[in-house]
Amino acid sequence: MHYHFDRSMTLAGINQVNRSLVPHSFRHHFITERIMSGLSYHEVAAMCGTSSGEVEETYYHLNDQTRLTHALAGYELDDSGLVVPVEE
């Protein structure tokens, strides 16, 4: 497998001296691109033979809106624009 990986890097003109790419880098790139294109964690997990929980745990940070939603869970903006806890 490393032969094919090294050959692919050579054919692509990627200098391995300046990059720390490994065969797993292809998988990481693929998953990142699929999530950023709008596919769900479940869809990407099915394509890659892993669990949606594993994909979500590793890649949830890619989406700014997801990060913002998680960071502000239980909070809202008041009329003056301040972030305040949600009143129950």
PDB file of N, CA and C in Angstrom:
ATOM      1  N   MET A   1       0.814  -1.178   0.000  1.00  0.00           N
ATOM      2  CA  MET A   1       0.000   0.000   0.000  1.00  0.00           C
ATOM      3  C   MET A   1       0.873   1.262   0.000  1.00  0.00           C
ATOM      4  N   HIS A   2       1.952   1.228   0.755  1.00  0.00           N
ATOM      5  CA  HIS A   2       2.810   2.408   0.798  1.00  0.00           C
ATOM      6  C   HIS A   2       3.448   2.688  -0.558  1.00  0.00           C
ATOM      7  N   TYR A   3       3.706   1.634  -1.321  1.00  0.00           N
ATOM      8  CA  TYR A   3       4.245   1.844  -2.665  1.00  0.00           C
ATOM      9  C   TYR A   3       3.273   2.684  -3.481  1.00  0.00           C
ATOM     10  N   HIS A   4       1.990   2.307  -3.465  1.00  0.00           N
ATOM     11  CA  HIS A   4       0.975   3.016  -4.249  1.00  0.00           C
ATOM     12  C   HIS A   4       0.780   4.442  -3.723  1.00  0.00           C
ATOM     13  N   PHE A   5       0.819   4.596  -2.418  1.00  0.00           N
ATOM     14  CA  PHE A   5       0.704   5.927  -1.830  1.00  0.00           C
ATOM     15  C   PHE A   5       1.875   6.807  -2.271  1.00  0.00           C
ATOM     16  N   ASP A   6       3.085   6.286  -2.124  1.00  0.00           N
ATOM     17  CA  ASP A   6       4.275   7.048  -2.531  1.00  0.00           C
ATOM     18  C   ASP A   6       4.235   7.375  -4.021  1.00  0.00           C
ATOM     19  N   ARG A   7       3.801   6.426  -4.811  1.00  0.00           N
ATOM     20  CA  ARG A   7       3.698   6.638  -6.263  1.00  0.00           C
ATOM     21  C   ARG A   7       2.669   7.725  -6.569  1.00  0.00           C
ATOM     22  N   SER A   8       1.548   7.704  -5.879  1.00  0.00           N
ATOM     23  CA  SER A   8       0.505   8.729  -6.069  1.00  0.00           C
ATOM     24  C   SER A   8       1.044  10.115  -5.721  1.00  0.00           C
ATOM     25  N   MET A   9       1.791  10.196  -4.645  1.00  0.00           N
ATOM     26  CA  MET A   9       2.373  11.482  -4.241  1.00  0.00           C
ATOM     27  C   MET A   9       3.353  11.988  -5.289  1.00  0.00           C
ATOM     28  N   THR A  10       4.169  11.084  -5.826  1.00  0.00           N
ATOM     29  CA  THR A  10       5.139  11.443  -6.857  1.00  0.00           C
ATOM     30  C   THR A  10       4.429  11.927  -8.114  1.00  0.00           C
ATOM     31  N   LEU A  11       3.413  11.186  -8.560  1.00  0.00           N
ATOM     32  CA  LEU A  11       2.679  11.561  -9.769  1.00  0.00           C
ATOM     33  C   LEU A  11       1.937  12.886  -9.593  1.00  0.00           C
ATOM     34  N   ALA A  12       1.492  13.168  -8.370  1.00  0.00           N
ATOM     35  CA  ALA A  12       0.796  14.422  -8.093  1.00  0.00           C
ATOM     36  C   ALA A  12       1.764  15.581  -7.892  1.00  0.00           C
ATOM     37  N   GLY A  13       3.051  15.274  -7.837  1.00  0.00           N
ATOM     38  CA  GLY A  13       4.049  16.319  -7.653  1.00  0.00           C
ATOM     39  C   GLY A  13       4.105  16.857  -6.234  1.00  0.00           C
ATOM     40  N   ILE A  14       3.700  16.038  -5.275  1.00  0.00           N
ATOM     41  CA  ILE A  14       3.725  16.456  -3.873  1.00  0.00           C
ATOM     42  C   ILE A  14       5.022  15.985  -3.250  1.00  0.00           C
ATOM     43  N   ASN A  15       5.781  16.932  -2.744  1.00  0.00           N
ATOM     44  CA  ASN A  15       7.073  16.649  -2.131  1.00  0.00           C
ATOM     45  C   ASN A  15       6.849  16.222  -0.684  1.00  0.00           C
ATOM     46  N   GLN A  16       7.089  14.977  -0.375  1.00  0.00           N
ATOM     47  CA  GLN A  16       6.865  14.452   0.972  1.00  0.00           C
ATOM     48  C   GLN A  16       7.815  15.024   2.011  1.00  0.00           C
ATOM     49  N   VAL A  17       8.919  15.611   1.590  1.00  0.00           N
ATOM     50  CA  VAL A  17       9.857  16.187   2.546  1.00  0.00           C
ATOM     51  C   VAL A  17       9.202  17.363   3.269  1.00  0.00           C
ATOM     52  N   ASN A  18       8.378  18.108   2.566  1.00  0.00           N
ATOM     53  CA  ASN A  18       7.743  19.298   3.132  1.00  0.00           C
ATOM     54  C   ASN A  18       6.341  19.036   3.686  1.00  0.00           C
ATOM     55  N   ARG A  19       5.834  17.829   3.589  1.00  0.00           N
ATOM     56  CA  ARG A  19       4.476  17.528   4.035  1.00  0.00           C
ATOM     57  C   ARG A  19       4.483  16.268   4.877  1.00  0.00           C
ATOM     58  N   SER A  20       3.570  16.185   5.819  1.00  0.00           N
ATOM     59  CA  SER A  20       3.462  14.975   6.641  1.00  0.00           C
ATOM     60  C   SER A  20       2.218  14.195   6.253  1.00  0.00           C
ATOM     61  N   LEU A  21       2.111  13.845   5.002  1.00  0.00           N
ATOM     62  CA  LEU A  21       0.956  13.088   4.539  1.00  0.00           C
ATOM     63  C   LEU A  21       1.194  11.596   4.716  1.00  0.00           C
ATOM     64  N   VAL A  22       0.124  10.923   5.090  1.00  0.00           N
ATOM     65  CA  VAL A  22       0.130   9.468   5.226  1.00  0.00           C
ATOM     66  C   VAL A  22      -1.099   8.954   4.493  1.00  0.00           C
ATOM     67  N   PRO A  23      -1.202   7.663   4.230  1.00  0.00           N
ATOM     68  CA  PRO A  23      -2.381   7.156   3.531  1.00  0.00           C
ATOM     69  C   PRO A  23      -3.706   7.572   4.184  1.00  0.00           C
ATOM     70  N   HIS A  24      -3.730   7.670   5.501  1.00  0.00           N
ATOM     71  CA  HIS A  24      -4.961   8.064   6.195  1.00  0.00           C
ATOM     72  C   HIS A  24      -5.360   9.500   5.866  1.00  0.00           C
ATOM     73  N   SER A  25      -4.428  10.309   5.372  1.00  0.00           N
ATOM     74  CA  SER A  25      -4.729  11.695   4.996  1.00  0.00           C
ATOM     75  C   SER A  25      -5.808  11.755   3.921  1.00  0.00           C
ATOM     76  N   PHE A  26      -5.821  10.779   3.016  1.00  0.00           N
ATOM     77  CA  PHE A  26      -6.854  10.733   1.978  1.00  0.00           C
ATOM     78  C   PHE A  26      -8.238  10.569   2.597  1.00  0.00           C
ATOM     79  N   ARG A  27      -8.339   9.685   3.578  1.00  0.00           N
ATOM     80  CA  ARG A  27      -9.620   9.446   4.251  1.00  0.00           C
ATOM     81  C   ARG A  27     -10.075  10.712   4.979  1.00  0.00           C
ATOM     82  N   HIS A  28      -9.158  11.342   5.696  1.00  0.00           N
ATOM     83  CA  HIS A  28      -9.488  12.561   6.421  1.00  0.00           C
ATOM     84  C   HIS A  28      -9.962  13.649   5.452  1.00  0.00           C
ATOM     85  N   HIS A  29      -9.267  13.804   4.350  1.00  0.00           N
ATOM     86  CA  HIS A  29      -9.650  14.807   3.352  1.00  0.00           C
ATOM     87  C   HIS A  29     -11.034  14.504   2.780  1.00  0.00           C
ATOM     88  N   PHE A  30     -11.274  13.247   2.452  1.00  0.00           N
ATOM     89  CA  PHE A  30     -12.572  12.848   1.887  1.00  0.00           C
ATOM     90  C   PHE A  30     -13.706  13.161   2.860  1.00  0.00           C
ATOM     91  N   ILE A  31     -13.553  12.752   4.117  1.00  0.00           N
ATOM     92  CA  ILE A  31     -14.600  12.980   5.113  1.00  0.00           C
ATOM     93  C   ILE A  31     -14.820  14.477   5.308  1.00  0.00           C
ATOM     94  N   THR A  32     -13.755  15.239   5.403  1.00  0.00           N
ATOM     95  CA  THR A  32     -13.878  16.691   5.562  1.00  0.00           C
ATOM     96  C   THR A  32     -14.645  17.304   4.399  1.00  0.00           C
ATOM     97  N   GLU A  33     -14.291  16.937   3.182  1.00  0.00           N
ATOM     98  CA  GLU A  33     -14.951  17.493   1.999  1.00  0.00           C
ATOM     99  C   GLU A  33     -16.429  17.097   1.935  1.00  0.00           C
ATOM    100  N   ARG A  34     -16.747  15.866   2.286  1.00  0.00           N
ATOM    101  CA  ARG A  34     -18.150  15.425   2.239  1.00  0.00           C
ATOM    102  C   ARG A  34     -18.992  16.165   3.276  1.00  0.00           C
ATOM    103  N   ILE A  35     -18.471  16.364   4.466  1.00  0.00           N
ATOM    104  CA  ILE A  35     -19.212  17.095   5.498  1.00  0.00           C
ATOM    105  C   ILE A  35     -19.407  18.548   5.071  1.00  0.00           C
ATOM    106  N   MET A  36     -18.354  19.164   4.563  1.00  0.00           N
ATOM    107  CA  MET A  36     -18.448  20.561   4.145  1.00  0.00           C
ATOM    108  C   MET A  36     -19.362  20.741   2.934  1.00  0.00           C
ATOM    109  N   SER A  37     -19.604  19.673   2.179  1.00  0.00           N
ATOM    110  CA  SER A  37     -20.514  19.762   1.033  1.00  0.00           C
ATOM    111  C   SER A  37     -21.970  19.625   1.456  1.00  0.00           C
ATOM    112  N   GLY A  38     -22.193  19.334   2.750  1.00  0.00           N
ATOM    113  CA  GLY A  38     -23.569  19.300   3.247  1.00  0.00           C
ATOM    114  C   GLY A  38     -24.119  17.936   3.582  1.00  0.00           C
ATOM    115  N   LEU A  39     -23.339  16.884   3.387  1.00  0.00           N
ATOM    116  CA  LEU A  39     -23.837  15.560   3.756  1.00  0.00           C
ATOM    117  C   LEU A  39     -23.895  15.429   5.279  1.00  0.00           C
ATOM    118  N   SER A  40     -24.800  14.612   5.754  1.00  0.00           N
ATOM    119  CA  SER A  40     -24.926  14.401   7.197  1.00  0.00           C
ATOM    120  C   SER A  40     -23.810  13.480   7.691  1.00  0.00           C
ATOM    121  N   TYR A  41     -23.588  13.517   8.998  1.00  0.00           N
ATOM    122  CA  TYR A  41     -22.594  12.617   9.589  1.00  0.00           C
ATOM    123  C   TYR A  41     -22.967  11.166   9.304  1.00  0.00           C
ATOM    124  N   HIS A  42     -24.250  10.875   9.353  1.00  0.00           N
ATOM    125  CA  HIS A  42     -24.716   9.505   9.100  1.00  0.00           C
ATOM    126  C   HIS A  42     -24.386   9.070   7.663  1.00  0.00           C
ATOM    127  N   GLU A  43     -24.630   9.943   6.701  1.00  0.00           N
ATOM    128  CA  GLU A  43     -24.336   9.607   5.301  1.00  0.00           C
ATOM    129  C   GLU A  43     -22.842   9.381   5.089  1.00  0.00           C
ATOM    130  N   VAL A  44     -22.031  10.249   5.659  1.00  0.00           N
ATOM    131  CA  VAL A  44     -20.576  10.120   5.505  1.00  0.00           C
ATOM    132  C   VAL A  44     -20.081   8.851   6.196  1.00  0.00           C
ATOM    133  N   ALA A  45     -20.617   8.573   7.380  1.00  0.00           N
ATOM    134  CA  ALA A  45     -20.217   7.360   8.105  1.00  0.00           C
ATOM    135  C   ALA A  45     -20.530   6.114   7.294  1.00  0.00           C
ATOM    136  N   ALA A  46     -21.704   6.082   6.665  1.00  0.00           N
ATOM    137  CA  ALA A  46     -22.086   4.928   5.848  1.00  0.00           C
ATOM    138  C   ALA A  46     -21.127   4.746   4.672  1.00  0.00           C
ATOM    139  N   MET A  47     -20.685   5.854   4.079  1.00  0.00           N
ATOM    140  CA  MET A  47     -19.740   5.773   2.957  1.00  0.00           C
ATOM    141  C   MET A  47     -18.383   5.231   3.397  1.00  0.00           C
ATOM    142  N   CYS A  48     -18.009   5.535   4.645  1.00  0.00           N
ATOM    143  CA  CYS A  48     -16.661   5.227   5.115  1.00  0.00           C
ATOM    144  C   CYS A  48     -16.579   3.999   6.011  1.00  0.00           C
ATOM    145  N   GLY A  49     -17.706   3.364   6.280  1.00  0.00           N
ATOM    146  CA  GLY A  49     -17.686   2.156   7.089  1.00  0.00           C
ATOM    147  C   GLY A  49     -17.353   2.409   8.543  1.00  0.00           C
ATOM    148  N   THR A  50     -17.856   3.505   9.084  1.00  0.00           N
ATOM    149  CA  THR A  50     -17.636   3.813  10.488  1.00  0.00           C
ATOM    150  C   THR A  50     -18.953   4.296  11.088  1.00  0.00           C
ATOM    151  N   SER A  51     -18.951   4.650  12.347  1.00  0.00           N
ATOM    152  CA  SER A  51     -20.190   5.090  12.986  1.00  0.00           C
ATOM    153  C   SER A  51     -20.369   6.599  12.814  1.00  0.00           C
ATOM    154  N   SER A  52     -21.627   7.023  12.795  1.00  0.00           N
ATOM    155  CA  SER A  52     -21.890   8.455  12.696  1.00  0.00           C
ATOM    156  C   SER A  52     -21.391   9.170  13.944  1.00  0.00           C
ATOM    157  N   GLY A  53     -21.412   8.498  15.084  1.00  0.00           N
ATOM    158  CA  GLY A  53     -20.882   9.087  16.313  1.00  0.00           C
ATOM    159  C   GLY A  53     -19.398   9.386  16.209  1.00  0.00           C
ATOM    160  N   GLU A  54     -18.654   8.474  15.613  1.00  0.00           N
ATOM    161  CA  GLU A  54     -17.213   8.675  15.431  1.00  0.00           C
ATOM    162  C   GLU A  54     -16.940   9.847  14.491  1.00  0.00           C
ATOM    163  N   VAL A  55     -17.692   9.922  13.415  1.00  0.00           N
ATOM    164  CA  VAL A  55     -17.519  11.025  12.457  1.00  0.00           C
ATOM    165  C   VAL A  55     -17.884  12.352  13.135  1.00  0.00           C
ATOM    166  N   GLU A  56     -19.001  12.373  13.840  1.00  0.00           N
ATOM    167  CA  GLU A  56     -19.426  13.604  14.503  1.00  0.00           C
ATOM    168  C   GLU A  56     -18.414  14.053  15.562  1.00  0.00           C
ATOM    169  N   GLU A  57     -17.933  13.103  16.346  1.00  0.00           N
ATOM    170  CA  GLU A  57     -16.972  13.426  17.406  1.00  0.00           C
ATOM    171  C   GLU A  57     -15.686  14.020  16.837  1.00  0.00           C
ATOM    172  N   THR A  58     -15.256  13.508  15.701  1.00  0.00           N
ATOM    173  CA  THR A  58     -13.996  13.947  15.105  1.00  0.00           C
ATOM    174  C   THR A  58     -14.139  15.215  14.268  1.00  0.00           C
ATOM    175  N   TYR A  59     -15.281  15.381  13.592  1.00  0.00           N
ATOM    176  CA  TYR A  59     -15.394  16.443  12.590  1.00  0.00           C
ATOM    177  C   TYR A  59     -16.444  17.503  12.889  1.00  0.00           C
ATOM    178  N   TYR A  60     -17.081  17.486  14.050  1.00  0.00           N
ATOM    179  CA  TYR A  60     -18.157  18.453  14.312  1.00  0.00           C
ATOM    180  C   TYR A  60     -17.662  19.894  14.259  1.00  0.00           C
ATOM    181  N   HIS A  61     -16.414  20.130  14.529  1.00  0.00           N
ATOM    182  CA  HIS A  61     -15.849  21.479  14.577  1.00  0.00           C
ATOM    183  C   HIS A  61     -15.733  22.152  13.214  1.00  0.00           C
ATOM    184  N   LEU A  62     -15.972  21.419  12.130  1.00  0.00           N
ATOM    185  CA  LEU A  62     -15.777  21.970  10.794  1.00  0.00           C
ATOM    186  C   LEU A  62     -16.776  23.063  10.440  1.00  0.00           C
ATOM    187  N   ASN A  63     -17.935  23.000  11.011  1.00  0.00           N
ATOM    188  CA  ASN A  63     -19.002  23.910  10.641  1.00  0.00           C
ATOM    189  C   ASN A  63     -19.128  25.012  11.687  1.00  0.00           C
ATOM    190  N   ASP A  64     -18.930  26.265  11.276  1.00  0.00           N
ATOM    191  CA  ASP A  64     -18.998  27.385  12.211  1.00  0.00           C
ATOM    192  C   ASP A  64     -20.358  27.476  12.894  1.00  0.00           C
ATOM    193  N   GLN A  65     -21.423  27.240  12.151  1.00  0.00           N
ATOM    194  CA  GLN A  65     -22.749  27.323  12.752  1.00  0.00           C
ATOM    195  C   GLN A  65     -22.941  26.252  13.812  1.00  0.00           C
ATOM    196  N   THR A  66     -22.430  25.051  13.573  1.00  0.00           N
ATOM    197  CA  THR A  66     -22.512  23.976  14.562  1.00  0.00           C
ATOM    198  C   THR A  66     -21.735  24.355  15.808  1.00  0.00           C
ATOM    199  N   ARG A  67     -20.543  24.890  15.643  1.00  0.00           N
ATOM    200  CA  ARG A  67     -19.743  25.313  16.801  1.00  0.00           C
ATOM    201  C   ARG A  67     -20.459  26.392  17.583  1.00  0.00           C
ATOM    202  N   LEU A  68     -21.046  27.359  16.891  1.00  0.00           N
ATOM    203  CA  LEU A  68     -21.757  28.444  17.554  1.00  0.00           C
ATOM    204  C   LEU A  68     -22.967  27.914  18.308  1.00  0.00           C
ATOM    205  N   THR A  69     -23.715  27.016  17.690  1.00  0.00           N
ATOM    206  CA  THR A  69     -24.889  26.431  18.334  1.00  0.00           C
ATOM    207  C   THR A  69     -24.499  25.684  19.607  1.00  0.00           C
ATOM    208  N   HIS A  70     -23.437  24.904  19.546  1.00  0.00           N
ATOM    209  CA  HIS A  70     -22.980  24.159  20.725  1.00  0.00           C
ATOM    210  C   HIS A  70     -22.473  25.108  21.803  1.00  0.00           C
ATOM    211  N   ALA A  71     -21.740  26.137  21.404  1.00  0.00           N
ATOM    212  CA  ALA A  71     -21.180  27.075  22.378  1.00  0.00           C
ATOM    213  C   ALA A  71     -22.261  27.878  23.089  1.00  0.00           C
ATOM    214  N   LEU A  72     -23.354  28.153  22.391  1.00  0.00           N
ATOM    215  CA  LEU A  72     -24.409  28.992  22.964  1.00  0.00           C
ATOM    216  C   LEU A  72     -25.609  28.204  23.478  1.00  0.00           C
ATOM    217  N   ALA A  73     -25.486  26.905  23.571  1.00  0.00           N
ATOM    218  CA  ALA A  73     -26.604  26.094  24.071  1.00  0.00           C
ATOM    219  C   ALA A  73     -27.005  26.592  25.451  1.00  0.00           C
ATOM    220  N   GLY A  74     -28.280  26.881  25.614  1.00  0.00           N
ATOM    221  CA  GLY A  74     -28.782  27.365  26.896  1.00  0.00           C
ATOM    222  C   GLY A  74     -28.673  28.874  27.060  1.00  0.00           C
ATOM    223  N   TYR A  75     -28.239  29.556  26.004  1.00  0.00           N
ATOM    224  CA  TYR A  75     -28.107  31.014  26.046  1.00  0.00           C
ATOM    225  C   TYR A  75     -28.811  31.625  24.839  1.00  0.00           C
ATOM    226  N   GLU A  76     -29.110  32.913  24.940  1.00  0.00           N
ATOM    227  CA  GLU A  76     -29.725  33.648  23.838  1.00  0.00           C
ATOM    228  C   GLU A  76     -29.249  35.096  23.890  1.00  0.00           C
ATOM    229  N   LEU A  77     -29.508  35.831  22.818  1.00  0.00           N
ATOM    230  CA  LEU A  77     -29.193  37.254  22.803  1.00  0.00           C
ATOM    231  C   LEU A  77     -30.377  38.032  23.355  1.00  0.00           C
ATOM    232  N   ASP A  78     -30.105  38.969  24.266  1.00  0.00           N
ATOM    233  CA  ASP A  78     -31.200  39.811  24.750  1.00  0.00           C
ATOM    234  C   ASP A  78     -31.362  40.994  23.802  1.00  0.00           C
ATOM    235  N   ASP A  79     -32.276  41.906  24.097  1.00  0.00           N
ATOM    236  CA  ASP A  79     -32.578  43.031  23.210  1.00  0.00           C
ATOM    237  C   ASP A  79     -31.386  43.946  22.973  1.00  0.00           C
ATOM    238  N   SER A  80     -30.442  43.976  23.919  1.00  0.00           N
ATOM    239  CA  SER A  80     -29.274  44.837  23.755  1.00  0.00           C
ATOM    240  C   SER A  80     -28.115  44.126  23.068  1.00  0.00           C
ATOM    241  N   GLY A  81     -28.301  42.843  22.731  1.00  0.00           N
ATOM    242  CA  GLY A  81     -27.270  42.091  22.044  1.00  0.00           C
ATOM    243  C   GLY A  81     -26.339  41.320  22.961  1.00  0.00           C
ATOM    244  N   LEU A  82     -26.627  41.318  24.264  1.00  0.00           N
ATOM    245  CA  LEU A  82     -25.817  40.558  25.199  1.00  0.00           C
ATOM    246  C   LEU A  82     -26.241  39.092  25.224  1.00  0.00           C
ATOM    247  N   VAL A  83     -25.279  38.213  25.435  1.00  0.00           N
ATOM    248  CA  VAL A  83     -25.576  36.789  25.559  1.00  0.00           C
ATOM    249  C   VAL A  83     -25.952  36.529  27.013  1.00  0.00           C
ATOM    250  N   VAL A  84     -27.170  36.006  27.205  1.00  0.00           N
ATOM    251  CA  VAL A  84     -27.678  35.752  28.563  1.00  0.00           C
ATOM    252  C   VAL A  84     -28.259  34.358  28.634  1.00  0.00           C
ATOM    253  N   PRO A  85     -28.295  33.758  29.827  1.00  0.00           N
ATOM    254  CA  PRO A  85     -28.907  32.428  29.954  1.00  0.00           C
ATOM    255  C   PRO A  85     -30.379  32.474  29.567  1.00  0.00           C
ATOM    256  N   VAL A  86     -30.843  31.375  28.967  1.00  0.00           N
ATOM    257  CA  VAL A  86     -32.253  31.258  28.603  1.00  0.00           C
ATOM    258  C   VAL A  86     -33.073  31.123  29.870  1.00  0.00           C
ATOM    259  N   GLU A  87     -34.101  31.935  29.986  1.00  0.00           N
ATOM    260  CA  GLU A  87     -34.981  31.850  31.156  1.00  0.00           C
ATOM    261  C   GLU A  87     -35.977  30.725  30.950  1.00  0.00           C
ATOM    262  N   GLU A  88     -36.147  29.928  31.967  1.00  0.00           N
ATOM    263  CA  GLU A  88     -37.083  28.802  31.855  1.00  0.00           C
ATOM    264  C   GLU A  88     -38.354  29.078  32.576  1.00  0.00           C
TER     265      GLU A  88
END
